[in-house]
C-alpha atoms as a PDB file:
ATOM      1  CA  MET A   1      49.352 -27.402 -38.435  1.00  0.00           C
ATOM      2  CA  PRO A   2      49.390 -26.562 -42.164  1.00  0.00           C
ATOM      3  CA  VAL A   3      52.231 -24.386 -43.462  1.00  0.00           C
ATOM      4  CA  GLU A   4      50.037 -21.430 -44.435  1.00  0.00           C
ATOM      5  CA  LEU A   5      48.306 -21.348 -41.056  1.00  0.00           C
ATOM      6  CA  THR A   6      51.671 -21.475 -39.267  1.00  0.00           C
ATOM      7  CA  LEU A   7      52.982 -18.637 -41.434  1.00  0.00           C
ATOM      8  CA  HIS A   8      49.830 -16.630 -40.727  1.00  0.00           C
ATOM      9  CA  LYS A   9      50.273 -17.068 -36.959  1.00  0.00           C
ATOM     10  CA  ALA A  10      53.954 -16.137 -37.237  1.00  0.00           C
ATOM     11  CA  ALA A  11      53.042 -12.988 -39.203  1.00  0.00           C
ATOM     12  CA  GLU A  12      50.533 -12.002 -36.496  1.00  0.00           C
ATOM     13  CA  GLU A  13      53.189 -12.491 -33.843  1.00  0.00           C
ATOM     14  CA  LEU A  14      55.660 -10.367 -35.805  1.00  0.00           C
ATOM     15  CA  ARG A  15      53.043  -7.598 -36.114  1.00  0.00           C
ATOM     16  CA  ARG A  16      52.617  -7.598 -32.321  1.00  0.00           C
ATOM     17  CA  GLY A  17      56.294  -6.761 -32.151  1.00  0.00           C
ATOM     18  CA  ASP A  18      56.972  -7.633 -28.515  1.00  0.00           C
ATOM     19  CA  LEU A  19      59.992  -9.829 -27.922  1.00  0.00           C
ATOM     20  CA  ALA A  20      58.029 -12.858 -26.697  1.00  0.00           C
ATOM     21  CA  SER A  21      55.805 -12.795 -29.801  1.00  0.00           C
ATOM     22  CA  VAL A  22      58.744 -12.366 -32.161  1.00  0.00           C
ATOM     23  CA  LEU A  23      60.558 -15.272 -30.505  1.00  0.00           C
ATOM     24  CA  ARG A  24      57.445 -17.444 -30.933  1.00  0.00           C
ATOM     25  CA  ALA A  25      57.330 -16.429 -34.596  1.00  0.00           C
ATOM     26  CA  ARG A  26      60.981 -17.406 -34.953  1.00  0.00           C
ATOM     27  CA  GLN A  27      60.270 -20.783 -33.390  1.00  0.00           C
ATOM     28  CA  ARG A  28      57.318 -21.402 -35.702  1.00  0.00           C
ATOM     29  CA  VAL A  29      59.143 -20.449 -38.892  1.00  0.00           C
ATOM     30  CA  ALA A  30      62.346 -22.265 -37.869  1.00  0.00           C
ATOM     31  CA  GLY A  31      60.225 -25.383 -37.353  1.00  0.00           C
ATOM     32  CA  LEU A  32      58.864 -25.014 -40.874  1.00  0.00           C
ATOM     33  CA  VAL A  33      62.362 -24.596 -42.308  1.00  0.00           C
ATOM     34  CA  GLY A  34      63.445 -27.724 -40.441  1.00  0.00           C
ATOM     35  CA  THR A  35      60.515 -29.641 -41.910  1.00  0.00           C
ATOM     36  CA  TYR A  36      60.802 -28.164 -45.421  1.00  0.00           C
ATOM     37  CA  PRO A  37      64.495 -27.238 -45.800  1.00  0.00           C
ATOM     38  CA  GLN A  38      64.286 -26.911 -49.582  1.00  0.00           C
ATOM     39  CA  ARG A  39      61.587 -24.231 -49.527  1.00  0.00           C
ATOM     40  CA  LEU A  40      63.427 -20.985 -50.065  1.00  0.00           C
ATOM     41  CA  ASP A  41      60.324 -18.920 -49.289  1.00  0.00           C
ATOM     42  CA  LEU A  42      60.318 -20.292 -45.740  1.00  0.00           C
ATOM     43  CA  ARG A  43      64.013 -19.503 -45.374  1.00  0.00           C
ATOM     44  CA  GLU A  44      63.302 -15.938 -46.475  1.00  0.00           C
ATOM     45  CA  ARG A  45      60.493 -15.644 -43.916  1.00  0.00           C
ATOM     46  CA  LEU A  46      62.889 -16.818 -41.218  1.00  0.00           C
ATOM     47  CA  ALA A  47      65.354 -14.153 -42.375  1.00  0.00           C
ATOM     48  CA  GLU A  48      62.584 -11.546 -41.914  1.00  0.00           C
ATOM     49  CA  VAL A  49      62.149 -12.644 -38.309  1.00  0.00           C
ATOM     50  CA  TYR A  50      65.884 -12.352 -37.701  1.00  0.00           C
ATOM     51  CA  ARG A  51      65.846  -8.846 -39.180  1.00  0.00           C
ATOM     52  CA  VAL A  52      63.208  -7.875 -36.626  1.00  0.00           C
ATOM     53  CA  LEU A  53      65.438  -9.375 -33.926  1.00  0.00           C
ATOM     54  CA  GLY A  54      68.385  -7.327 -35.223  1.00  0.00           C
ATOM     55  CA  GLN A  55      70.509 -10.343 -36.181  1.00  0.00           C
ATOM     56  CA  PRO A  56      71.941  -9.671 -39.656  1.00  0.00           C
ATOM     57  CA  ALA A  57      74.223 -12.737 -39.644  1.00  0.00           C
ATOM     58  CA  GLN A  58      71.209 -15.003 -39.188  1.00  0.00           C
ATOM     59  CA  ALA A  59      69.212 -13.081 -41.777  1.00  0.00           C
ATOM     60  CA  GLY A  60      72.124 -13.551 -44.186  1.00  0.00           C
ATOM     61  CA  ARG A  61      72.241 -17.231 -43.299  1.00  0.00           C
ATOM     62  CA  TRP A  62      68.639 -17.810 -44.306  1.00  0.00           C
ATOM     63  CA  THR A  63      68.767 -15.741 -47.510  1.00  0.00           C
ATOM     64  CA  TYR A  64      72.118 -17.168 -48.616  1.00  0.00           C
ATOM     65  CA  LEU A  65      70.480 -19.356 -51.271  1.00  0.00           C
ATOM     66  CA  SER A  66      67.989 -16.694 -52.415  1.00  0.00           C
ATOM     67  CA  ASP A  67      68.147 -14.824 -55.693  1.00  0.00           C
ATOM     68  CA  GLU A  68      68.237 -11.519 -53.831  1.00  0.00           C
ATOM     69  CA  ARG A  69      70.111 -10.966 -50.606  1.00  0.00           C
ATOM     70  CA  ASP A  70      71.408  -8.039 -48.610  1.00  0.00           C
ATOM     71  CA  PRO A  71      75.193  -7.623 -49.028  1.00  0.00           C
ATOM     72  CA  GLU A  72      75.639  -6.531 -45.397  1.00  0.00           C
ATOM     73  CA  GLU A  73      73.716  -9.559 -44.131  1.00  0.00           C
ATOM     74  CA  LEU A  74      75.739 -11.811 -46.416  1.00  0.00           C
ATOM     75  CA  GLN A  75      78.961 -10.302 -45.078  1.00  0.00           C
ATOM     76  CA  ALA A  76      77.760 -10.732 -41.473  1.00  0.00           C
ATOM     77  CA  PHE A  77      76.907 -14.389 -42.166  1.00  0.00           C
ATOM     78  CA  GLU A  78      80.268 -15.081 -43.798  1.00  0.00           C
ATOM     79  CA  HIS A  79      82.031 -13.345 -40.911  1.00  0.00           C
ATOM     80  CA  ALA A  80      80.126 -15.420 -38.338  1.00  0.00           C
ATOM     81  CA  TYR A  81      80.773 -18.644 -40.272  1.00  0.00           C
ATOM     82  CA  ARG A  82      84.230 -18.075 -41.725  1.00  0.00           C
ATOM     83  CA  ARG A  83      84.796 -21.547 -43.151  1.00  0.00           C
ATOM     84  CA  ALA A  84      82.855 -22.940 -46.089  1.00  0.00           C
ATOM     85  CA  ASP A  85      82.126 -26.184 -44.245  1.00  0.00           C
ATOM     86  CA  ALA A  86      80.696 -24.205 -41.307  1.00  0.00           C
ATOM     87  CA  ARG A  87      78.474 -22.248 -43.702  1.00  0.00           C
ATOM     88  CA  LEU A  88      77.277 -25.483 -45.279  1.00  0.00           C
ATOM     89  CA  VAL A  89      76.320 -26.886 -41.897  1.00  0.00           C
ATOM     90  CA  ALA A  90      74.662 -23.607 -40.881  1.00  0.00           C
ATOM     91  CA  LEU A  91      72.501 -23.620 -44.008  1.00  0.00           C
ATOM     92  CA  SER A  92      70.887 -26.877 -42.851  1.00  0.00           C
ATOM     93  CA  TRP A  93      70.437 -27.972 -46.441  1.00  0.00           C
ATOM     94  CA  GLN A  94      69.122 -31.498 -46.777  1.00  0.00           C
ATOM     95  CA  GLY A  95      69.415 -33.282 -50.039  1.00  0.00           C
ATOM     96  CA  ARG A  96      71.597 -33.059 -53.100  1.00  0.00           C
ATOM     97  CA  VAL A  97      72.733 -29.826 -54.690  1.00  0.00           C
ATOM     98  CA  ASP A  98      70.759 -30.561 -57.847  1.00  0.00           C
ATOM     99  CA  GLU A  99      67.564 -30.738 -55.762  1.00  0.00           C
ATOM    100  CA  ALA A 100      67.740 -27.027 -54.965  1.00  0.00           C
ATOM    101  CA  PRO A 101      64.730 -25.257 -56.488  1.00  0.00           C
ATOM    102  CA  THR A 102      66.593 -22.470 -58.317  1.00  0.00           C
ATOM    103  CA  GLU A 103      69.739 -22.163 -60.382  1.00  0.00           C
ATOM    104  CA  THR A 104      71.032 -19.564 -57.927  1.00  0.00           C
ATOM    105  CA  ALA A 105      70.633 -21.932 -54.983  1.00  0.00           C
ATOM    106  CA  ARG A 106      72.244 -24.806 -56.898  1.00  0.00           C
ATOM    107  CA  SER A 107      75.163 -22.603 -57.920  1.00  0.00           C
ATOM    108  CA  ARG A 108      75.751 -21.297 -54.386  1.00  0.00           C
ATOM    109  CA  LEU A 109      75.549 -24.752 -52.836  1.00  0.00           C
ATOM    110  CA  ALA A 110      77.938 -26.173 -55.427  1.00  0.00           C
ATOM    111  CA  SER A 111      80.350 -23.301 -54.820  1.00  0.00           C
ATOM    112  CA  LEU A 112      80.255 -23.869 -51.062  1.00  0.00           C
ATOM    113  CA  HIS A 113      80.909 -27.578 -51.540  1.00  0.00           C
ATOM    114  CA  ARG A 114      83.921 -26.787 -53.753  1.00  0.00           C
ATOM    115  CA  ASP A 115      85.256 -24.239 -51.265  1.00  0.00           C
ATOM    116  CA  ALA A 116      84.870 -26.697 -48.391  1.00  0.00           C
ATOM    117  CA  GLN A 117      86.744 -29.375 -50.345  1.00  0.00           C
ATOM    118  CA  LEU A 118      89.550 -26.918 -51.160  1.00  0.00           C
ATOM    119  CA  GLU A 119      89.821 -25.887 -47.494  1.00  0.00           C
ATOM    120  CA  LEU A 120      90.034 -29.524 -46.452  1.00  0.00           C
ATOM    121  CA  GLN A 121      92.655 -30.275 -49.098  1.00  0.00           C
ATOM    122  CA  ARG A 122      94.764 -27.293 -47.966  1.00  0.00           C
ATOM    123  CA  GLU A 123      94.578 -28.561 -44.381  1.00  0.00           C
ATOM    124  CA  LEU A 124      95.612 -32.052 -45.442  1.00  0.00           C
ATOM    125  CA  ASP A 125      98.495 -30.646 -47.467  1.00  0.00           C
ATOM    126  CA  ALA A 126      99.626 -28.540 -44.507  1.00  0.00           C
ATOM    127  CA  THR A 127      99.491 -31.439 -42.041  1.00  0.00           C
ATOM    128  CA  PRO A 128     102.961 -32.896 -41.445  1.00  0.00           C
ATOM    129  CA  ASP A 129     103.403 -36.463 -42.575  1.00  0.00           C
ATOM    130  CA  GLN A 130     103.168 -39.311 -40.077  1.00  0.00           C
ATOM    131  CA  GLU A 131     106.934 -39.959 -39.988  1.00  0.00           C
ATOM    132  CA  THR A 132     107.631 -36.387 -38.901  1.00  0.00           C
ATOM    133  CA  SER A 133     105.028 -36.687 -36.161  1.00  0.00           C
ATOM    134  CA  TRP A 134     106.521 -39.935 -34.859  1.00  0.00           C
ATOM    135  CA  GLY A 135     110.020 -38.472 -35.027  1.00  0.00           C
ATOM    136  CA  ALA A 136     109.006 -35.431 -33.011  1.00  0.00           C
ATOM    137  CA  CYS A 137     107.250 -37.649 -30.495  1.00  0.00           C
ATOM    138  CA  LEU A 138     110.363 -39.827 -30.119  1.00  0.00           C
ATOM    139  CA  ILE A 139     112.583 -36.771 -29.546  1.00  0.00           C
ATOM    140  CA  VAL A 140     110.236 -35.487 -26.828  1.00  0.00           C
ATOM    141  CA  MET A 141     110.142 -38.907 -25.148  1.00  0.00           C
ATOM    142  CA  VAL A 142     113.948 -39.272 -25.157  1.00  0.00           C
ATOM    143  CA  GLY A 143     114.387 -35.716 -23.858  1.00  0.00           C
ATOM    144  CA  GLY A 144     111.818 -36.281 -21.127  1.00  0.00           C
ATOM    145  CA  THR A 145     113.514 -39.529 -20.075  1.00  0.00           C
ATOM    146  CA  PHE A 146     116.901 -37.777 -19.921  1.00  0.00           C
ATOM    147  CA  VAL A 147     115.490 -35.006 -17.706  1.00  0.00           C
ATOM    148  CA  LEU A 148     113.851 -37.581 -15.429  1.00  0.00           C
ATOM    149  CA  VAL A 149     117.101 -39.584 -15.068  1.00  0.00           C
ATOM    150  CA  CYS A 150     119.066 -36.418 -14.256  1.00  0.00           C
ATOM    151  CA  PHE A 151     116.480 -35.443 -11.659  1.00  0.00           C
ATOM    152  CA  LEU A 152     116.611 -38.874  -9.999  1.00  0.00           C
ATOM    153  CA  LEU A 153     120.443 -38.875  -9.982  1.00  0.00           C
ATOM    154  CA  GLY A 154     120.358 -35.455  -8.340  1.00  0.00           C
ATOM    155  CA  ILE A 155     118.001 -36.722  -5.640  1.00  0.00           C
ATOM    156  CA  VAL A 156     120.202 -39.798  -4.975  1.00  0.00           C
ATOM    157  CA  THR A 157     123.335 -37.626  -4.789  1.00  0.00           C
ATOM    158  CA  LEU A 158     121.629 -35.203  -2.399  1.00  0.00           C
ATOM    159  CA  VAL A 159     120.428 -38.031  -0.138  1.00  0.00           C
ATOM    160  CA  GLN A 160     123.947 -39.575  -0.085  1.00  0.00           C
ATOM    161  CA  PHE A 161     125.481 -36.216   0.770  1.00  0.00           C
ATOM    162  CA  LEU A 162     123.003 -35.600   3.591  1.00  0.00           C
ATOM    163  CA  TRP A 163     123.542 -39.157   4.904  1.00  0.00           C
ATOM    164  CA  LYS A 164     127.283 -38.561   5.122  1.00  0.00           C
ATOM    165  CA  LEU A 165     126.720 -35.313   6.998  1.00  0.00           C
ATOM    166  CA  VAL A 166     124.481 -36.996   9.561  1.00  0.00           C
ATOM    167  CA  SER A 167     126.739 -40.023  10.095  1.00  0.00           C
END
């Protein structure tokens, strides 16, 4: 079905306003966004559907790359997807940053990519080195072996004591 006809059907369903119709509209427009992920107008139409559904985080998700966006929706989106890499995945952008149709979209995508790289680098810097991990593992293994040996010696001693009592 052509894009304009699908959008027209989705608009009719939104006008009906009942939940089933609005959910069908969401499905139609989400399908278009999946097929044409670089069309910001389709993303904005999907945001409209989510506004009708009362889901500001999703509305903020689909207007994130737009020139104009609602600050409360943006905040709800960033709260729902706290990490930059999670926001990148949620945006469902396909293609390179420089393929975005507007300077605003290119700038926001580039910023998200930078933020995601910084988050990853901070995590890598905070991860203990391999030697520390092996050392901690060795200490736990030695401690566990010591506890097991003590337990077994206690069992043997108890059995010997009970054997002497019976004999």
